C-alpha atoms as a PDB file:
ATOM      1  CA  ARG A   1     -18.858  10.093  15.908  1.00  0.00           C
ATOM      2  CA  SER A   2     -15.357  11.444  16.183  1.00  0.00           C
ATOM      3  CA  GLU A   3     -13.006   8.461  16.483  1.00  0.00           C
ATOM      4  CA  ILE A   4     -10.835   7.282  13.596  1.00  0.00           C
ATOM      5  CA  VAL A   5      -9.184   3.859  13.817  1.00  0.00           C
ATOM      6  CA  CYS A   6      -5.935   3.057  12.007  1.00  0.00           C
ATOM      7  CA  PHE A   7      -3.114   0.558  12.481  1.00  0.00           C
ATOM      8  CA  LYS A   8       0.448   0.439  13.768  1.00  0.00           C
ATOM      9  CA  ASN A   9       3.082   0.935  11.041  1.00  0.00           C
ATOM     10  CA  SER A  10       0.456   2.091   8.553  1.00  0.00           C
ATOM     11  CA  TYR A  11       1.370   4.750   6.013  1.00  0.00           C
ATOM     12  CA  HIS A  12      -1.245   7.012   4.459  1.00  0.00           C
ATOM     13  CA  GLY A  13       0.674  10.186   3.558  1.00  0.00           C
ATOM     14  CA  SER A  14       2.299  13.241   5.095  1.00  0.00           C
ATOM     15  CA  THR A  15      -0.320  16.011   5.034  1.00  0.00           C
ATOM     16  CA  GLN A  16      -2.197  16.726   8.245  1.00  0.00           C
ATOM     17  CA  GLY A  17      -5.136  14.349   7.918  1.00  0.00           C
ATOM     18  CA  ALA A  18      -3.100  11.495   6.472  1.00  0.00           C
ATOM     19  CA  LEU A  19      -0.280  12.056   8.949  1.00  0.00           C
ATOM     20  CA  SER A  20      -2.779  11.878  11.799  1.00  0.00           C
ATOM     21  CA  VAL A  21      -3.582   8.265  10.930  1.00  0.00           C
ATOM     22  CA  MET A  22       0.004   7.215  10.258  1.00  0.00           C
ATOM     23  CA  GLY A  23       0.873   4.371  12.605  1.00  0.00           C
ATOM     24  CA  SER A  24       4.247   5.705  13.766  1.00  0.00           C
ATOM     25  CA  GLU A  25       4.786   8.391  16.376  1.00  0.00           C
ATOM     26  CA  ASP A  26       8.364   9.035  15.175  1.00  0.00           C
ATOM     27  CA  PHE A  27       7.085  10.559  11.940  1.00  0.00           C
ATOM     28  CA  LYS A  28       4.154  12.402  13.531  1.00  0.00           C
ATOM     29  CA  ASN A  29       5.427  14.058  16.670  1.00  0.00           C
ATOM     30  CA  ALA A  30       7.259  17.005  15.050  1.00  0.00           C
ATOM     31  CA  PHE A  31       4.049  18.081  13.313  1.00  0.00           C
ATOM     32  CA  ARG A  32       1.615  18.005  16.208  1.00  0.00           C
ATOM     33  CA  PRO A  33      -1.067  19.084  16.919  1.00  0.00           C
ATOM     34  CA  LEU A  34      -2.812  16.725  14.508  1.00  0.00           C
ATOM     35  CA  LEU A  35      -6.366  15.362  14.345  1.00  0.00           C
ATOM     36  CA  PRO A  36      -7.635  14.265  17.767  1.00  0.00           C
ATOM     37  CA  ASP A  37      -9.380  11.016  18.703  1.00  0.00           C
ATOM     38  CA  VAL A  38      -7.290   8.644  16.592  1.00  0.00           C
ATOM     39  CA  ARG A  39      -7.025   5.086  17.901  1.00  0.00           C
ATOM     40  CA  ILE A  40      -4.128   2.914  16.669  1.00  0.00           C
ATOM     41  CA  LEU A  41      -4.584  -0.877  16.741  1.00  0.00           C
ATOM     42  CA  ASP A  42      -2.166  -3.686  15.906  1.00  0.00           C
ATOM     43  CA  PHE A  43      -2.465  -4.924  12.331  1.00  0.00           C
ATOM     44  CA  ASN A  44      -3.683  -8.535  11.956  1.00  0.00           C
ATOM     45  CA  ASN A  45      -4.742  -8.628  15.633  1.00  0.00           C
ATOM     46  CA  GLU A  46      -8.322  -9.871  15.523  1.00  0.00           C
ATOM     47  CA  ASP A  47      -8.886  -9.515  19.260  1.00  0.00           C
ATOM     48  CA  GLN A  48      -8.306  -5.744  19.166  1.00  0.00           C
ATOM     49  CA  LEU A  49     -11.104  -5.240  16.645  1.00  0.00           C
ATOM     50  CA  GLN A  50     -13.540  -5.182  19.553  1.00  0.00           C
ATOM     51  CA  GLN A  51     -12.212  -1.666  20.216  1.00  0.00           C
ATOM     52  CA  ILE A  52     -14.150  -0.519  17.131  1.00  0.00           C
ATOM     53  CA  THR A  53     -17.392   0.822  18.584  1.00  0.00           C
ATOM     54  CA  ARG A  54     -20.348   3.126  17.960  1.00  0.00           C
ATOM     55  CA  GLN A  55     -17.997   6.021  18.683  1.00  0.00           C
ATOM     56  CA  THR A  56     -15.884   5.051  15.653  1.00  0.00           C
ATOM     57  CA  ALA A  57     -16.581   7.018  12.477  1.00  0.00           C
ATOM     58  CA  CYS A  58     -14.278   5.081  10.171  1.00  0.00           C
ATOM     59  CA  VAL A  59     -11.428   2.598   9.941  1.00  0.00           C
ATOM     60  CA  ILE A  60      -8.619   3.194   7.463  1.00  0.00           C
ATOM     61  CA  VAL A  61      -6.388   0.248   6.587  1.00  0.00           C
ATOM     62  CA  GLU A  62      -3.954  -0.979   3.943  1.00  0.00           C
ATOM     63  CA  PRO A  63      -5.015  -4.532   2.952  1.00  0.00           C
ATOM     64  CA  ILE A  64      -1.290  -5.069   2.392  1.00  0.00           C
ATOM     65  CA  GLN A  65       0.799  -2.792   4.583  1.00  0.00           C
ATOM     66  CA  GLY A  66       3.504  -1.144   2.470  1.00  0.00           C
ATOM     67  CA  GLU A  67       5.983   0.731   4.648  1.00  0.00           C
ATOM     68  CA  ALA A  68       5.681  -1.882   7.402  1.00  0.00           C
ATOM     69  CA  GLY A  69       7.693  -4.128   5.074  1.00  0.00           C
ATOM     70  CA  ILE A  70       4.943  -5.614   2.873  1.00  0.00           C
ATOM     71  CA  ILE A  71       2.710  -7.287   5.449  1.00  0.00           C
ATOM     72  CA  PRO A  72      -0.463  -8.773   3.914  1.00  0.00           C
ATOM     73  CA  GLY A  73      -3.609  -8.716   5.993  1.00  0.00           C
ATOM     74  CA  THR A  74      -4.715 -12.238   6.819  1.00  0.00           C
ATOM     75  CA  ILE A  75      -7.995 -13.359   5.296  1.00  0.00           C
ATOM     76  CA  ASN A  76      -9.518 -13.895   8.748  1.00  0.00           C
ATOM     77  CA  PHE A  77      -8.443 -10.436   9.936  1.00  0.00           C
ATOM     78  CA  ILE A  78      -9.772  -8.564   6.901  1.00  0.00           C
ATOM     79  CA  GLU A  79     -13.055 -10.495   6.937  1.00  0.00           C
ATOM     80  CA  LYS A  80     -13.526  -9.908  10.675  1.00  0.00           C
ATOM     81  CA  LEU A  81     -12.700  -6.216  10.185  1.00  0.00           C
ATOM     82  CA  ARG A  82     -15.450  -5.939   7.559  1.00  0.00           C
ATOM     83  CA  LYS A  83     -17.914  -7.792   9.795  1.00  0.00           C
ATOM     84  CA  THR A  84     -17.100  -5.594  12.803  1.00  0.00           C
ATOM     85  CA  CYS A  85     -17.522  -2.388  10.777  1.00  0.00           C
ATOM     86  CA  ASP A  86     -20.894  -3.607   9.500  1.00  0.00           C
ATOM     87  CA  GLU A  87     -22.066  -4.455  13.013  1.00  0.00           C
ATOM     88  CA  GLN A  88     -21.006  -1.070  14.413  1.00  0.00           C
ATOM     89  CA  GLY A  89     -22.112   1.025  11.410  1.00  0.00           C
ATOM     90  CA  VAL A  90     -18.522   2.099  10.692  1.00  0.00           C
ATOM     91  CA  VAL A  91     -17.149   3.218   7.308  1.00  0.00           C
ATOM     92  CA  LEU A  92     -14.332   0.914   6.142  1.00  0.00           C
ATOM     93  CA  ILE A  93     -11.648   2.636   4.039  1.00  0.00           C
ATOM     94  CA  PHE A  94      -9.038   0.670   2.081  1.00  0.00           C
ATOM     95  CA  ASP A  95      -5.859   2.538   1.173  1.00  0.00           C
ATOM     96  CA  GLU A  96      -4.599   0.840  -2.004  1.00  0.00           C
ATOM     97  CA  ILE A  97      -2.301   3.647  -3.069  1.00  0.00           C
ATOM     98  CA  GLN A  98       0.663   1.247  -3.103  1.00  0.00           C
ATOM     99  CA  SER A  99      -1.140  -2.023  -3.827  1.00  0.00           C
ATOM    100  CA  GLY A 100      -3.584  -0.889  -6.511  1.00  0.00           C
ATOM    101  CA  PHE A 101      -3.512  -1.014 -10.302  1.00  0.00           C
ATOM    102  CA  GLY A 102      -2.305  -4.556 -10.823  1.00  0.00           C
ATOM    103  CA  ARG A 103       0.673  -4.632  -8.487  1.00  0.00           C
ATOM    104  CA  THR A 104      -0.462  -7.628  -6.425  1.00  0.00           C
ATOM    105  CA  GLY A 105      -1.755  -9.861  -9.231  1.00  0.00           C
ATOM    106  CA  THR A 106      -5.292  -8.469  -9.377  1.00  0.00           C
ATOM    107  CA  MET A 107      -6.316  -4.952 -10.322  1.00  0.00           C
ATOM    108  CA  PHE A 108      -6.859  -4.208  -6.630  1.00  0.00           C
ATOM    109  CA  ALA A 109      -5.643  -6.200  -3.634  1.00  0.00           C
ATOM    110  CA  PHE A 110      -9.096  -6.273  -2.013  1.00  0.00           C
ATOM    111  CA  GLU A 111     -10.222  -8.610  -4.821  1.00  0.00           C
ATOM    112  CA  GLN A 112      -8.138 -11.322  -3.153  1.00  0.00           C
ATOM    113  CA  TYR A 113     -10.345 -11.082  -0.064  1.00  0.00           C
ATOM    114  CA  ALA A 114     -14.087 -11.743   0.188  1.00  0.00           C
ATOM    115  CA  VAL A 115     -14.455  -8.112   1.239  1.00  0.00           C
ATOM    116  CA  VAL A 116     -15.446  -4.857  -0.462  1.00  0.00           C
ATOM    117  CA  PRO A 117     -14.537  -1.575   1.295  1.00  0.00           C
ATOM    118  CA  ASP A 118     -16.917   1.358   1.614  1.00  0.00           C
ATOM    119  CA  ILE A 119     -14.242   3.721   0.297  1.00  0.00           C
ATOM    120  CA  LEU A 120     -11.239   2.883  -1.889  1.00  0.00           C
ATOM    121  CA  LEU A 121      -8.234   5.218  -2.075  1.00  0.00           C
ATOM    122  CA  LEU A 122      -5.955   5.106  -5.130  1.00  0.00           C
ATOM    123  CA  ALA A 123      -2.962   7.047  -6.491  1.00  0.00           C
ATOM    124  CA  LYS A 124       0.699   6.347  -7.439  1.00  0.00           C
ATOM    125  CA  GLY A 125       0.461   3.714 -10.226  1.00  0.00           C
ATOM    126  CA  MET A 126      -2.916   5.100 -11.246  1.00  0.00           C
ATOM    127  CA  GLY A 127      -1.388   7.891 -13.311  1.00  0.00           C
ATOM    128  CA  GLY A 128       1.510   6.061 -14.937  1.00  0.00           C
ATOM    129  CA  GLY A 129       3.822   8.807 -13.682  1.00  0.00           C
ATOM    130  CA  MET A 130       1.350  11.706 -13.724  1.00  0.00           C
ATOM    131  CA  PRO A 131       0.065  13.062 -10.387  1.00  0.00           C
ATOM    132  CA  ILE A 132      -3.437  11.846  -9.619  1.00  0.00           C
ATOM    133  CA  GLY A 133      -5.374  10.265  -6.770  1.00  0.00           C
ATOM    134  CA  ALA A 134      -8.887   8.917  -6.447  1.00  0.00           C
ATOM    135  CA  PHE A 135     -11.511   8.544  -3.734  1.00  0.00           C
ATOM    136  CA  ILE A 136     -14.029   5.894  -4.831  1.00  0.00           C
ATOM    137  CA  SER A 137     -17.285   5.068  -3.090  1.00  0.00           C
ATOM    138  CA  SER A 138     -20.988   4.501  -3.642  1.00  0.00           C
ATOM    139  CA  GLN A 139     -23.135   7.197  -5.199  1.00  0.00           C
ATOM    140  CA  GLN A 140     -24.977   7.549  -1.886  1.00  0.00           C
ATOM    141  CA  MET A 141     -21.798   8.171   0.077  1.00  0.00           C
ATOM    142  CA  MET A 142     -20.284  10.471  -2.552  1.00  0.00           C
ATOM    143  CA  SER A 143     -23.463  12.556  -2.653  1.00  0.00           C
ATOM    144  CA  ALA A 144     -22.894  13.465   1.007  1.00  0.00           C
ATOM    145  CA  LEU A 145     -19.949  15.560  -0.185  1.00  0.00           C
ATOM    146  CA  THR A 146     -22.003  17.655  -2.625  1.00  0.00           C
ATOM    147  CA  ASN A 147     -23.716  19.940  -0.126  1.00  0.00           C
ATOM    148  CA  ASN A 148     -23.603  21.312   3.427  1.00  0.00           C
ATOM    149  CA  PRO A 149     -21.880  23.697   2.848  1.00  0.00           C
ATOM    150  CA  MET A 150     -22.983  24.968  -0.555  1.00  0.00           C
ATOM    151  CA  LEU A 151     -20.869  23.351  -3.323  1.00  0.00           C
ATOM    152  CA  GLY A 152     -19.819  20.695  -0.813  1.00  0.00           C
ATOM    153  CA  HIS A 153     -16.237  19.453  -0.781  1.00  0.00           C
ATOM    154  CA  ILE A 154     -14.378  21.269  -3.569  1.00  0.00           C
ATOM    155  CA  THR A 155     -10.794  21.291  -4.787  1.00  0.00           C
ATOM    156  CA  THR A 156      -8.897  23.457  -7.267  1.00  0.00           C
ATOM    157  CA  PHE A 157      -7.194  20.623  -9.140  1.00  0.00           C
ATOM    158  CA  GLY A 158      -9.801  17.886  -8.748  1.00  0.00           C
ATOM    159  CA  GLY A 159     -10.253  15.936 -11.982  1.00  0.00           C
ATOM    160  CA  HIS A 160      -7.341  17.587 -13.793  1.00  0.00           C
ATOM    161  CA  PRO A 161      -7.948  16.624 -17.469  1.00  0.00           C
ATOM    162  CA  VAL A 162      -4.335  15.826 -18.421  1.00  0.00           C
ATOM    163  CA  SER A 163      -3.777  13.617 -15.369  1.00  0.00           C
ATOM    164  CA  CYS A 164      -7.151  11.940 -15.942  1.00  0.00           C
ATOM    165  CA  ALA A 165      -6.218  11.211 -19.569  1.00  0.00           C
ATOM    166  CA  ALA A 166      -2.932   9.669 -18.390  1.00  0.00           C
ATOM    167  CA  ALA A 167      -4.771   7.551 -15.822  1.00  0.00           C
ATOM    168  CA  GLN A 168      -7.238   6.343 -18.455  1.00  0.00           C
ATOM    169  CA  ALA A 169      -4.359   5.408 -20.766  1.00  0.00           C
ATOM    170  CA  CYS A 170      -2.588   3.625 -17.917  1.00  0.00           C
ATOM    171  CA  LEU A 171      -5.724   1.635 -17.085  1.00  0.00           C
ATOM    172  CA  ASP A 172      -6.189   0.717 -20.752  1.00  0.00           C
ATOM    173  CA  VAL A 173      -2.616  -0.597 -21.010  1.00  0.00           C
ATOM    174  CA  ILE A 174      -2.894  -2.643 -17.800  1.00  0.00           C
ATOM    175  CA  ASN A 175      -6.094  -4.274 -19.072  1.00  0.00           C
ATOM    176  CA  LYS A 176      -4.979  -4.728 -22.693  1.00  0.00           C
ATOM    177  CA  GLU A 177      -1.587  -6.210 -21.830  1.00  0.00           C
ATOM    178  CA  GLY A 178      -2.742  -8.091 -18.731  1.00  0.00           C
ATOM    179  CA  LEU A 179      -0.072  -6.470 -16.586  1.00  0.00           C
ATOM    180  CA  HIS A 180      -1.868  -7.480 -13.377  1.00  0.00           C
ATOM    181  CA  LYS A 181      -1.336 -11.110 -14.416  1.00  0.00           C
ATOM    182  CA  LYS A 182       2.293 -10.366 -15.256  1.00  0.00           C
ATOM    183  CA  ALA A 183       2.767  -9.335 -11.623  1.00  0.00           C
ATOM    184  CA  LEU A 184       2.315 -12.996 -10.674  1.00  0.00           C
ATOM    185  CA  THR A 185       4.972 -14.035 -13.211  1.00  0.00           C
ATOM    186  CA  ILE A 186       7.308 -11.451 -11.694  1.00  0.00           C
ATOM    187  CA  GLU A 187       6.686 -12.888  -8.232  1.00  0.00           C
ATOM    188  CA  LYS A 188       7.345 -16.436  -9.446  1.00  0.00           C
ATOM    189  CA  THR A 189      10.685 -15.415 -10.983  1.00  0.00           C
ATOM    190  CA  ILE A 190      11.754 -13.483  -7.881  1.00  0.00           C
ATOM    191  CA  ARG A 191      10.947 -16.374  -5.549  1.00  0.00           C
ATOM    192  CA  GLU A 192      12.692 -18.913  -7.786  1.00  0.00           C
ATOM    193  CA  LYS A 193      15.863 -16.927  -8.389  1.00  0.00           C
ATOM    194  CA  LEU A 194      16.404 -15.081  -5.114  1.00  0.00           C
ATOM    195  CA  ILE A 195      17.541 -17.972  -2.971  1.00  0.00           C
ATOM    196  CA  HIS A 196      20.455 -17.096  -0.699  1.00  0.00           C
ATOM    197  CA  PRO A 197      21.456 -18.001   2.878  1.00  0.00           C
ATOM    198  CA  LYS A 198      21.270 -14.325   3.903  1.00  0.00           C
ATOM    199  CA  ILE A 199      17.625 -14.054   2.805  1.00  0.00           C
ATOM    200  CA  LYS A 200      15.353 -14.933   5.726  1.00  0.00           C
ATOM    201  CA  THR A 201      12.094 -14.761   3.793  1.00  0.00           C
ATOM    202  CA  ILE A 202      10.341 -13.029   0.893  1.00  0.00           C
ATOM    203  CA  ARG A 203       6.995 -11.460   1.810  1.00  0.00           C
ATOM    204  CA  GLY A 204       4.174 -10.086  -0.279  1.00  0.00           C
ATOM    205  CA  LYS A 205       2.112 -10.690  -3.382  1.00  0.00           C
ATOM    206  CA  GLY A 206       2.765 -10.136  -7.073  1.00  0.00           C
ATOM    207  CA  ALA A 207       5.227  -7.341  -7.742  1.00  0.00           C
ATOM    208  CA  MET A 208       4.851  -5.949  -4.216  1.00  0.00           C
ATOM    209  CA  LEU A 209       7.500  -7.851  -2.280  1.00  0.00           C
ATOM    210  CA  ALA A 210       9.995  -7.463   0.543  1.00  0.00           C
ATOM    211  CA  ILE A 211      13.256  -9.373   0.948  1.00  0.00           C
ATOM    212  CA  GLU A 212      13.754  -9.780   4.675  1.00  0.00           C
ATOM    213  CA  LEU A 213      17.431  -9.900   5.660  1.00  0.00           C
ATOM    214  CA  GLY A 214      16.879  -9.503   9.390  1.00  0.00           C
ATOM    215  CA  ASP A 215      19.687  -6.954   9.774  1.00  0.00           C
ATOM    216  CA  ALA A 216      19.459  -3.229   9.029  1.00  0.00           C
ATOM    217  CA  ASP A 217      23.221  -2.770   8.462  1.00  0.00           C
ATOM    218  CA  LEU A 218      23.351  -5.703   6.055  1.00  0.00           C
ATOM    219  CA  ASN A 219      20.281  -4.408   4.255  1.00  0.00           C
ATOM    220  CA  LEU A 220      21.838  -0.967   3.793  1.00  0.00           C
ATOM    221  CA  LYS A 221      25.034  -2.516   2.389  1.00  0.00           C
ATOM    222  CA  VAL A 222      23.071  -4.635  -0.085  1.00  0.00           C
ATOM    223  CA  ILE A 223      20.909  -1.693  -1.180  1.00  0.00           C
ATOM    224  CA  THR A 224      23.963   0.562  -1.602  1.00  0.00           C
ATOM    225  CA  SER A 225      25.681  -2.100  -3.697  1.00  0.00           C
ATOM    226  CA  CYS A 226      22.569  -2.615  -5.834  1.00  0.00           C
ATOM    227  CA  ILE A 227      22.314   1.109  -6.555  1.00  0.00           C
ATOM    228  CA  ALA A 228      26.025   1.261  -7.471  1.00  0.00           C
ATOM    229  CA  LYS A 229      25.389  -1.560  -9.945  1.00  0.00           C
ATOM    230  CA  GLY A 230      22.447   0.277 -11.525  1.00  0.00           C
ATOM    231  CA  LEU A 231      19.520  -1.310  -9.689  1.00  0.00           C
ATOM    232  CA  ILE A 232      17.257   1.129  -7.836  1.00  0.00           C
ATOM    233  CA  THR A 233      15.761  -0.172  -4.603  1.00  0.00           C
ATOM    234  CA  ASP A 234      15.327   0.938  -0.993  1.00  0.00           C
ATOM    235  CA  TRP A 235      14.145  -0.123   2.450  1.00  0.00           C
ATOM    236  CA  PHE A 236      10.860   0.619   4.219  1.00  0.00           C
ATOM    237  CA  LEU A 237      10.010   3.477   6.574  1.00  0.00           C
ATOM    238  CA  PHE A 238       9.051   1.103   9.373  1.00  0.00           C
ATOM    239  CA  CYS A 239      11.152  -1.918   8.415  1.00  0.00           C
ATOM    240  CA  PRO A 240      14.856  -1.113   7.849  1.00  0.00           C
ATOM    241  CA  THR A 241      15.792  -4.811   7.784  1.00  0.00           C
ATOM    242  CA  ALA A 242      14.009  -5.542   4.491  1.00  0.00           C
ATOM    243  CA  MET A 243      14.617  -4.495   0.891  1.00  0.00           C
ATOM    244  CA  ARG A 244      11.795  -3.360  -1.376  1.00  0.00           C
ATOM    245  CA  ILE A 245      11.065  -5.292  -4.583  1.00  0.00           C
ATOM    246  CA  ALA A 246       8.543  -3.297  -6.627  1.00  0.00           C
ATOM    247  CA  PRO A 247       9.585  -3.359 -10.295  1.00  0.00           C
ATOM    248  CA  PRO A 248       7.499  -1.697 -12.986  1.00  0.00           C
ATOM    249  CA  LEU A 249       4.949  -4.146 -14.357  1.00  0.00           C
ATOM    250  CA  ILE A 250       6.384  -3.573 -17.850  1.00  0.00           C
ATOM    251  CA  ILE A 251       9.812  -4.927 -16.833  1.00  0.00           C
ATOM    252  CA  THR A 252      11.200  -7.379 -19.390  1.00  0.00           C
ATOM    253  CA  GLU A 253      12.270 -10.927 -18.546  1.00  0.00           C
ATOM    254  CA  GLU A 254      15.871  -9.973 -19.343  1.00  0.00           C
ATOM    255  CA  GLU A 255      15.742  -6.954 -17.033  1.00  0.00           C
ATOM    256  CA  LEU A 256      14.157  -8.990 -14.247  1.00  0.00           C
ATOM    257  CA  ASN A 257      16.776 -11.731 -14.517  1.00  0.00           C
ATOM    258  CA  ARG A 258      19.586  -9.169 -14.458  1.00  0.00           C
ATOM    259  CA  SER A 259      18.011  -7.498 -11.420  1.00  0.00           C
ATOM    260  CA  CYS A 260      18.027 -10.814  -9.566  1.00  0.00           C
ATOM    261  CA  GLU A 261      21.689 -11.325 -10.528  1.00  0.00           C
ATOM    262  CA  ILE A 262      22.614  -7.905  -9.130  1.00  0.00           C
ATOM    263  CA  ILE A 263      20.823  -8.613  -5.854  1.00  0.00           C
ATOM    264  CA  LEU A 264      22.609 -11.952  -5.462  1.00  0.00           C
ATOM    265  CA  GLU A 265      25.965 -10.352  -6.342  1.00  0.00           C
ATOM    266  CA  SER A 266      25.341  -7.653  -3.754  1.00  0.00           C
ATOM    267  CA  LEU A 267      24.421 -10.213  -1.118  1.00  0.00           C
ATOM    268  CA  ASN A 268      27.671 -12.072  -1.772  1.00  0.00           C
ATOM    269  CA  LEU A 269      29.696  -8.852  -1.423  1.00  0.00           C
ATOM    270  CA  SER A 270      27.972  -7.699   1.790  1.00  0.00           C
END
C-alpha cells in the first residue's frame, strides 16, 4: 500500500513527510518534490470517505483542525472515518499536537468521540515549553519499528531525558490541578464576555477557540491593536478572517477578564 489520505486545510508540520500531507498547495509547492501518492479529501465530508480503499496505507487527521480556523470534526464524520478504516484495514492517525494535553476540556480531544486512533501524535503543550513530541500506538504496531533494518527506526535525540522530565512534570501538573477541566471554564468565560456585533461566531472547544470576524482586513486590525495593548494573538494559516484564542491553561481569572476587555476595546477601535 502506498497511498496516504489527509484533509484539506490540515496542518501537520513543515518537514518533508509532514509537509507532504499538509492540506494546502500554497505552502507545499515551493518544496516539491514531496512524497507521492497523497490523496487530499474534504474535512467533515462523509461521502468522500469511500475514496479510502485497500490501496490506502493510512489516514492522518486532526480531530479538531487547527490552522483551518478551529474546525471540530463532527461526531458522525469521525465515527464513519474510524469505521471505514477498520473495514479497509487502514491505519488511522490522529494528530493532536495542537489539541492535546487538556486544551479542549479532556486530556485528548479524541476522548470526546467514541473513537480511538491507531496512532496518536503529540507535541507542543506536552513539554510545557521544552521541545518534545510523541508517537503513541499499540505494542504490536510499535514493535514493527524495531527491526528490518537492524535497529529499526532510530533517532539521535529520541527520548531526550531533560525534555522527558519536563513532559512528565507538565503531565503531573495538568492532572493535579485539573487544568483540562479549567479549559472548559476558560471557554465559558470567553463565550459569555466576547459578545460584539463584529463577531460572527466563536468556534472550538475548551481553550482552543477561534473568533470569526468574516473579514481578513478587520481581523488584522483587531490583532494588531491587541498586540499593541499587550495581548498576544494571531490568525490562522488557512483562515485569515478569524483570530486565535488559545490562552495558557494556567491563565488567571483576572488575566482572562482583562484579555476579553482588550479584545472588545480593539473591536471597537477597528
